[in-house]
Amino acid sequence: MKAFNTFICLACLLILAGCGEKKKNVPVIEVLTDSTETDSTVYGRCGDGTAMHTLELITDKGDTIVYTLEGEDTCTNVQGGLFVGDRLAVIGKRVEGLNEDMLADKVINLTSLLGTWSSLDKNFEIIEGGTVVSTSGEPTPYTEWKILNGKLVLSPDTFDIYFLGPDSLYLENGQGIYGYKRMPKQSHDGKKASKQ
């Protein structure tokens, strides 16, 4: 019995050693995932206490944070406007000496970001929940979106939101600035939806 157990242990060691040799010949491909970068964005809804120079954010955790939108020699970058009830992504920092302890560096109105956007070569719809539907038939269409540290990630590209308005979106990366116009909502039969 002792010889049999020794034989099994020896066989297992040989198998493991053989697997180790094969691993050396296989190229290692390092994939960087989003989990390596911590997201400093705070998400929530624009609260009733929002005014000209302050933003009341009701966070997804149920907390209320009041941000100053204008500080000494600085003004907050607000993209998409501030409307009570809209979903927002806020990048802020703690600053001593402000009326509120927090200064909003960047505010992105996620509700305004949702919708169908079109340019000469791209047509895509940003849908709540992180999905992007591309309708232009390009070889590498956008499929997902998220905000990460104040930047818009449209898989596989990452952009700064240069401008977000009611009818236009300008995205910037190392290759340049890309402009998109908002397309009207389509009804299920393919016709423009009428406002009632």
C-alpha atoms as a PDB file:
ATOM      1  CA  MET A   1       0.000   0.000   0.000  1.00  0.00           C
ATOM      2  CA  LYS A   2       2.881   2.340   0.878  1.00  0.00           C
ATOM      3  CA  ALA A   3       4.460   1.724  -2.552  1.00  0.00           C
ATOM      4  CA  PHE A   4       1.131   2.495  -4.267  1.00  0.00           C
ATOM      5  CA  ASN A   5       0.762   5.869  -2.433  1.00  0.00           C
ATOM      6  CA  THR A   6       4.358   6.749  -3.335  1.00  0.00           C
ATOM      7  CA  PHE A   7       3.645   5.879  -6.969  1.00  0.00           C
ATOM      8  CA  ILE A   8       0.513   8.125  -7.006  1.00  0.00           C
ATOM      9  CA  CYS A   9       2.424  11.052  -5.442  1.00  0.00           C
ATOM     10  CA  LEU A  10       5.268  10.648  -7.939  1.00  0.00           C
ATOM     11  CA  ALA A  11       2.799  10.541 -10.855  1.00  0.00           C
ATOM     12  CA  CYS A  12       1.086  13.729  -9.627  1.00  0.00           C
ATOM     13  CA  LEU A  13       4.431  15.514  -9.328  1.00  0.00           C
ATOM     14  CA  LEU A  14       5.391  14.490 -12.876  1.00  0.00           C
ATOM     15  CA  ILE A  15       2.057  15.740 -14.225  1.00  0.00           C
ATOM     16  CA  LEU A  16       2.418  19.080 -12.413  1.00  0.00           C
ATOM     17  CA  ALA A  17       6.012  19.435 -13.597  1.00  0.00           C
ATOM     18  CA  GLY A  18       4.897  18.723 -17.166  1.00  0.00           C
ATOM     19  CA  CYS A  19       2.200  21.363 -16.947  1.00  0.00           C
ATOM     20  CA  GLY A  20       4.733  23.862 -15.668  1.00  0.00           C
ATOM     21  CA  GLU A  21       6.966  23.278 -18.685  1.00  0.00           C
ATOM     22  CA  LYS A  22       4.076  23.860 -21.095  1.00  0.00           C
ATOM     23  CA  LYS A  23       3.204  27.151 -19.404  1.00  0.00           C
ATOM     24  CA  LYS A  24       6.647  28.555 -20.229  1.00  0.00           C
ATOM     25  CA  ASN A  25       6.001  28.114 -23.966  1.00  0.00           C
ATOM     26  CA  VAL A  26       2.603  29.825 -23.934  1.00  0.00           C
ATOM     27  CA  PRO A  27       2.742  33.629 -24.434  1.00  0.00           C
ATOM     28  CA  VAL A  28       1.179  35.582 -21.605  1.00  0.00           C
ATOM     29  CA  ILE A  29      -1.351  38.210 -22.677  1.00  0.00           C
ATOM     30  CA  GLU A  30      -1.980  40.775 -19.998  1.00  0.00           C
ATOM     31  CA  VAL A  31      -5.499  42.160 -20.048  1.00  0.00           C
ATOM     32  CA  LEU A  32      -6.090  45.375 -18.150  1.00  0.00           C
ATOM     33  CA  THR A  33      -9.532  45.416 -16.626  1.00  0.00           C
ATOM     34  CA  ASP A  34     -11.496  48.322 -15.239  1.00  0.00           C
ATOM     35  CA  SER A  35     -11.128  46.864 -11.765  1.00  0.00           C
ATOM     36  CA  THR A  36      -7.505  48.124 -11.722  1.00  0.00           C
ATOM     37  CA  GLU A  37      -8.687  51.736 -11.746  1.00  0.00           C
ATOM     38  CA  THR A  38     -10.795  53.009  -8.867  1.00  0.00           C
ATOM     39  CA  ASP A  39     -13.750  55.171  -9.893  1.00  0.00           C
ATOM     40  CA  SER A  40     -13.886  58.407  -7.892  1.00  0.00           C
ATOM     41  CA  THR A  41     -17.256  59.392  -9.365  1.00  0.00           C
ATOM     42  CA  VAL A  42     -20.253  59.875  -7.060  1.00  0.00           C
ATOM     43  CA  TYR A  43     -23.623  58.963  -8.626  1.00  0.00           C
ATOM     44  CA  GLY A  44     -27.070  60.153  -7.656  1.00  0.00           C
ATOM     45  CA  ARG A  45     -30.009  62.428  -8.461  1.00  0.00           C
ATOM     46  CA  CYS A  46     -30.136  66.217  -8.583  1.00  0.00           C
ATOM     47  CA  GLY A  47     -31.973  67.388  -5.458  1.00  0.00           C
ATOM     48  CA  ASP A  48     -34.483  70.191  -4.821  1.00  0.00           C
ATOM     49  CA  GLY A  49     -31.827  72.192  -2.960  1.00  0.00           C
ATOM     50  CA  THR A  50     -29.817  72.801  -6.141  1.00  0.00           C
ATOM     51  CA  ALA A  51     -29.321  76.509  -6.837  1.00  0.00           C
ATOM     52  CA  MET A  52     -27.129  78.771  -8.955  1.00  0.00           C
ATOM     53  CA  HIS A  53     -23.888  78.059  -7.074  1.00  0.00           C
ATOM     54  CA  THR A  54     -24.692  74.823  -5.235  1.00  0.00           C
ATOM     55  CA  LEU A  55     -25.604  71.301  -6.213  1.00  0.00           C
ATOM     56  CA  GLU A  56     -27.570  69.046  -3.895  1.00  0.00           C
ATOM     57  CA  LEU A  57     -26.866  65.438  -4.834  1.00  0.00           C
ATOM     58  CA  ILE A  58     -28.977  62.609  -3.398  1.00  0.00           C
ATOM     59  CA  THR A  59     -26.509  59.747  -3.827  1.00  0.00           C
ATOM     60  CA  ASP A  60     -27.369  56.197  -4.827  1.00  0.00           C
ATOM     61  CA  LYS A  61     -26.595  55.236  -1.204  1.00  0.00           C
ATOM     62  CA  GLY A  62     -29.237  57.691   0.075  1.00  0.00           C
ATOM     63  CA  ASP A  63     -26.806  60.306   1.419  1.00  0.00           C
ATOM     64  CA  THR A  64     -27.142  63.995   0.611  1.00  0.00           C
ATOM     65  CA  ILE A  65     -24.010  65.862  -0.471  1.00  0.00           C
ATOM     66  CA  VAL A  66     -24.011  69.593  -1.180  1.00  0.00           C
ATOM     67  CA  TYR A  67     -21.326  70.696  -3.642  1.00  0.00           C
ATOM     68  CA  THR A  68     -20.182  74.235  -4.389  1.00  0.00           C
ATOM     69  CA  LEU A  69     -20.282  74.848  -8.130  1.00  0.00           C
ATOM     70  CA  GLU A  70     -18.050  77.895  -8.071  1.00  0.00           C
ATOM     71  CA  GLY A  71     -14.958  78.432  -5.988  1.00  0.00           C
ATOM     72  CA  GLU A  72     -12.027  80.787  -5.791  1.00  0.00           C
ATOM     73  CA  ASP A  73     -10.664  81.212  -9.341  1.00  0.00           C
ATOM     74  CA  THR A  74     -12.595  78.183 -10.536  1.00  0.00           C
ATOM     75  CA  CYS A  75     -15.914  77.268 -12.052  1.00  0.00           C
ATOM     76  CA  THR A  76     -17.376  73.786 -12.254  1.00  0.00           C
ATOM     77  CA  ASN A  77     -17.521  71.976 -15.571  1.00  0.00           C
ATOM     78  CA  VAL A  78     -21.254  71.117 -15.820  1.00  0.00           C
ATOM     79  CA  GLN A  79     -22.223  69.065 -18.892  1.00  0.00           C
ATOM     80  CA  GLY A  80     -25.890  68.508 -19.756  1.00  0.00           C
ATOM     81  CA  GLY A  81     -27.429  70.969 -17.307  1.00  0.00           C
ATOM     82  CA  LEU A  82     -28.824  70.594 -13.788  1.00  0.00           C
ATOM     83  CA  PHE A  83     -32.467  69.557 -13.577  1.00  0.00           C
ATOM     84  CA  VAL A  84     -34.095  68.294 -10.395  1.00  0.00           C
ATOM     85  CA  GLY A  85     -34.553  64.527 -10.544  1.00  0.00           C
ATOM     86  CA  ASP A  86     -31.992  63.929 -13.311  1.00  0.00           C
ATOM     87  CA  ARG A  87     -29.323  61.314 -12.736  1.00  0.00           C
ATOM     88  CA  LEU A  88     -25.841  62.839 -12.320  1.00  0.00           C
ATOM     89  CA  ALA A  89     -22.210  61.744 -12.133  1.00  0.00           C
ATOM     90  CA  VAL A  90     -20.071  64.099 -10.009  1.00  0.00           C
ATOM     91  CA  ILE A  91     -16.317  64.368  -9.547  1.00  0.00           C
ATOM     92  CA  GLY A  92     -15.627  66.449  -6.457  1.00  0.00           C
ATOM     93  CA  LYS A  93     -13.007  67.246  -3.876  1.00  0.00           C
ATOM     94  CA  ARG A  94     -12.907  68.524  -0.325  1.00  0.00           C
ATOM     95  CA  VAL A  95     -11.790  72.166  -0.074  1.00  0.00           C
ATOM     96  CA  GLU A  96     -11.366  74.074   3.172  1.00  0.00           C
ATOM     97  CA  GLY A  97     -12.882  77.552   3.385  1.00  0.00           C
ATOM     98  CA  LEU A  98     -15.865  77.040   1.070  1.00  0.00           C
ATOM     99  CA  ASN A  99     -19.452  77.478   2.236  1.00  0.00           C
ATOM    100  CA  GLU A 100     -19.855  73.789   1.518  1.00  0.00           C
ATOM    101  CA  ASP A 101     -16.871  71.538   2.172  1.00  0.00           C
ATOM    102  CA  MET A 102     -17.110  69.908  -1.262  1.00  0.00           C
ATOM    103  CA  LEU A 103     -16.301  71.510  -4.622  1.00  0.00           C
ATOM    104  CA  ALA A 104     -17.681  69.850  -7.752  1.00  0.00           C
ATOM    105  CA  ASP A 105     -14.912  69.707 -10.385  1.00  0.00           C
ATOM    106  CA  LYS A 106     -17.076  68.040 -13.023  1.00  0.00           C
ATOM    107  CA  VAL A 107     -20.789  67.256 -13.278  1.00  0.00           C
ATOM    108  CA  ILE A 108     -22.226  65.063 -16.048  1.00  0.00           C
ATOM    109  CA  ASN A 109     -25.985  64.843 -16.484  1.00  0.00           C
ATOM    110  CA  LEU A 110     -26.467  61.159 -17.329  1.00  0.00           C
ATOM    111  CA  THR A 111     -30.148  61.700 -18.161  1.00  0.00           C
ATOM    112  CA  SER A 112     -29.118  64.215 -20.850  1.00  0.00           C
ATOM    113  CA  LEU A 113     -26.468  61.820 -22.152  1.00  0.00           C
ATOM    114  CA  LEU A 114     -29.047  59.111 -22.894  1.00  0.00           C
ATOM    115  CA  GLY A 115     -30.461  59.053 -26.414  1.00  0.00           C
ATOM    116  CA  THR A 116     -29.545  58.515 -30.056  1.00  0.00           C
ATOM    117  CA  TRP A 117     -26.496  60.368 -31.365  1.00  0.00           C
ATOM    118  CA  SER A 118     -25.420  60.695 -34.995  1.00  0.00           C
ATOM    119  CA  SER A 119     -22.392  61.924 -36.973  1.00  0.00           C
ATOM    120  CA  LEU A 120     -21.272  61.412 -40.564  1.00  0.00           C
ATOM    121  CA  ASP A 121     -19.913  57.924 -39.832  1.00  0.00           C
ATOM    122  CA  LYS A 122     -21.444  56.802 -36.517  1.00  0.00           C
ATOM    123  CA  ASN A 123     -24.982  56.332 -35.245  1.00  0.00           C
ATOM    124  CA  PHE A 124     -25.510  54.941 -31.765  1.00  0.00           C
ATOM    125  CA  GLU A 125     -27.980  55.015 -28.911  1.00  0.00           C
ATOM    126  CA  ILE A 126     -26.828  55.334 -25.306  1.00  0.00           C
ATOM    127  CA  ILE A 127     -29.300  53.401 -23.167  1.00  0.00           C
ATOM    128  CA  GLU A 128     -29.706  53.448 -19.392  1.00  0.00           C
ATOM    129  CA  GLY A 129     -27.914  50.549 -17.732  1.00  0.00           C
ATOM    130  CA  GLY A 130     -24.673  50.715 -19.727  1.00  0.00           C
ATOM    131  CA  THR A 131     -25.787  49.473 -23.143  1.00  0.00           C
ATOM    132  CA  VAL A 132     -25.009  51.099 -26.484  1.00  0.00           C
ATOM    133  CA  VAL A 133     -26.845  50.090 -29.653  1.00  0.00           C
ATOM    134  CA  SER A 134     -24.982  50.981 -32.851  1.00  0.00           C
ATOM    135  CA  THR A 135     -26.936  51.323 -36.106  1.00  0.00           C
ATOM    136  CA  SER A 136     -24.223  52.388 -38.554  1.00  0.00           C
ATOM    137  CA  GLY A 137     -22.777  48.943 -39.369  1.00  0.00           C
ATOM    138  CA  GLU A 138     -19.177  49.919 -38.587  1.00  0.00           C
ATOM    139  CA  PRO A 139     -16.540  47.202 -37.963  1.00  0.00           C
ATOM    140  CA  THR A 140     -16.006  48.081 -34.264  1.00  0.00           C
ATOM    141  CA  PRO A 141     -19.310  49.476 -32.967  1.00  0.00           C
ATOM    142  CA  TYR A 142     -19.781  50.793 -29.452  1.00  0.00           C
ATOM    143  CA  THR A 143     -21.518  48.196 -27.288  1.00  0.00           C
ATOM    144  CA  GLU A 144     -21.226  49.468 -23.697  1.00  0.00           C
ATOM    145  CA  TRP A 145     -20.828  52.758 -21.876  1.00  0.00           C
ATOM    146  CA  LYS A 146     -19.989  54.025 -18.421  1.00  0.00           C
ATOM    147  CA  ILE A 147     -18.491  57.011 -16.648  1.00  0.00           C
ATOM    148  CA  LEU A 148     -15.081  56.402 -15.086  1.00  0.00           C
ATOM    149  CA  ASN A 149     -13.395  59.243 -13.187  1.00  0.00           C
ATOM    150  CA  GLY A 150     -15.272  61.892 -15.153  1.00  0.00           C
ATOM    151  CA  LYS A 151     -14.612  60.364 -18.573  1.00  0.00           C
ATOM    152  CA  LEU A 152     -17.072  58.634 -20.880  1.00  0.00           C
ATOM    153  CA  VAL A 153     -16.003  55.104 -21.766  1.00  0.00           C
ATOM    154  CA  LEU A 154     -17.684  53.960 -24.985  1.00  0.00           C
ATOM    155  CA  SER A 155     -16.156  50.520 -25.350  1.00  0.00           C
ATOM    156  CA  PRO A 156     -13.431  50.329 -26.555  1.00  0.00           C
ATOM    157  CA  ASP A 157     -12.722  54.132 -26.548  1.00  0.00           C
ATOM    158  CA  THR A 158     -12.438  56.652 -23.718  1.00  0.00           C
ATOM    159  CA  PHE A 159     -13.433  60.310 -24.133  1.00  0.00           C
ATOM    160  CA  ASP A 160     -13.642  63.566 -22.238  1.00  0.00           C
ATOM    161  CA  ILE A 161     -17.071  65.119 -22.630  1.00  0.00           C
ATOM    162  CA  TYR A 162     -16.095  68.421 -24.230  1.00  0.00           C
ATOM    163  CA  PHE A 163     -19.713  69.632 -24.470  1.00  0.00           C
ATOM    164  CA  LEU A 164     -23.142  68.095 -23.800  1.00  0.00           C
ATOM    165  CA  GLY A 165     -26.193  70.150 -24.701  1.00  0.00           C
ATOM    166  CA  PRO A 166     -29.831  69.436 -25.542  1.00  0.00           C
ATOM    167  CA  ASP A 167     -29.081  68.713 -29.218  1.00  0.00           C
ATOM    168  CA  SER A 168     -25.312  68.200 -29.435  1.00  0.00           C
ATOM    169  CA  LEU A 169     -22.509  66.142 -27.949  1.00  0.00           C
ATOM    170  CA  TYR A 170     -18.793  66.770 -28.439  1.00  0.00           C
ATOM    171  CA  LEU A 171     -16.350  64.081 -27.315  1.00  0.00           C
ATOM    172  CA  GLU A 172     -12.588  64.536 -27.158  1.00  0.00           C
ATOM    173  CA  ASN A 173      -9.700  62.080 -27.058  1.00  0.00           C
ATOM    174  CA  GLY A 174      -6.092  62.036 -28.302  1.00  0.00           C
ATOM    175  CA  GLN A 175      -7.221  61.873 -31.927  1.00  0.00           C
ATOM    176  CA  GLY A 176      -9.425  64.975 -31.832  1.00  0.00           C
ATOM    177  CA  ILE A 177     -12.931  66.231 -31.085  1.00  0.00           C
ATOM    178  CA  TYR A 178     -15.941  64.342 -32.446  1.00  0.00           C
ATOM    179  CA  GLY A 179     -19.308  66.057 -32.863  1.00  0.00           C
ATOM    180  CA  TYR A 180     -22.705  64.347 -32.724  1.00  0.00           C
ATOM    181  CA  LYS A 181     -26.250  65.622 -33.024  1.00  0.00           C
ATOM    182  CA  ARG A 182     -29.181  64.215 -31.113  1.00  0.00           C
ATOM    183  CA  MET A 183     -31.633  62.313 -33.269  1.00  0.00           C
ATOM    184  CA  PRO A 184     -35.369  62.400 -32.515  1.00  0.00           C
ATOM    185  CA  LYS A 185     -36.830  59.401 -30.758  1.00  0.00           C
ATOM    186  CA  GLN A 186     -38.276  56.785 -33.079  1.00  0.00           C
ATOM    187  CA  SER A 187     -41.547  55.024 -32.406  1.00  0.00           C
ATOM    188  CA  HIS A 188     -41.698  51.233 -32.714  1.00  0.00           C
ATOM    189  CA  ASP A 189     -42.911  51.470 -36.330  1.00  0.00           C
ATOM    190  CA  GLY A 190     -39.825  53.492 -37.329  1.00  0.00           C
ATOM    191  CA  LYS A 191     -41.554  56.893 -37.557  1.00  0.00           C
ATOM    192  CA  LYS A 192     -40.606  59.913 -35.497  1.00  0.00           C
ATOM    193  CA  ALA A 193     -42.438  59.941 -32.195  1.00  0.00           C
ATOM    194  CA  SER A 194     -44.747  62.938 -31.851  1.00  0.00           C
ATOM    195  CA  LYS A 195     -44.753  65.028 -28.697  1.00  0.00           C
ATOM    196  CA  GLN A 196     -48.174  65.194 -27.100  1.00  0.00           C
END
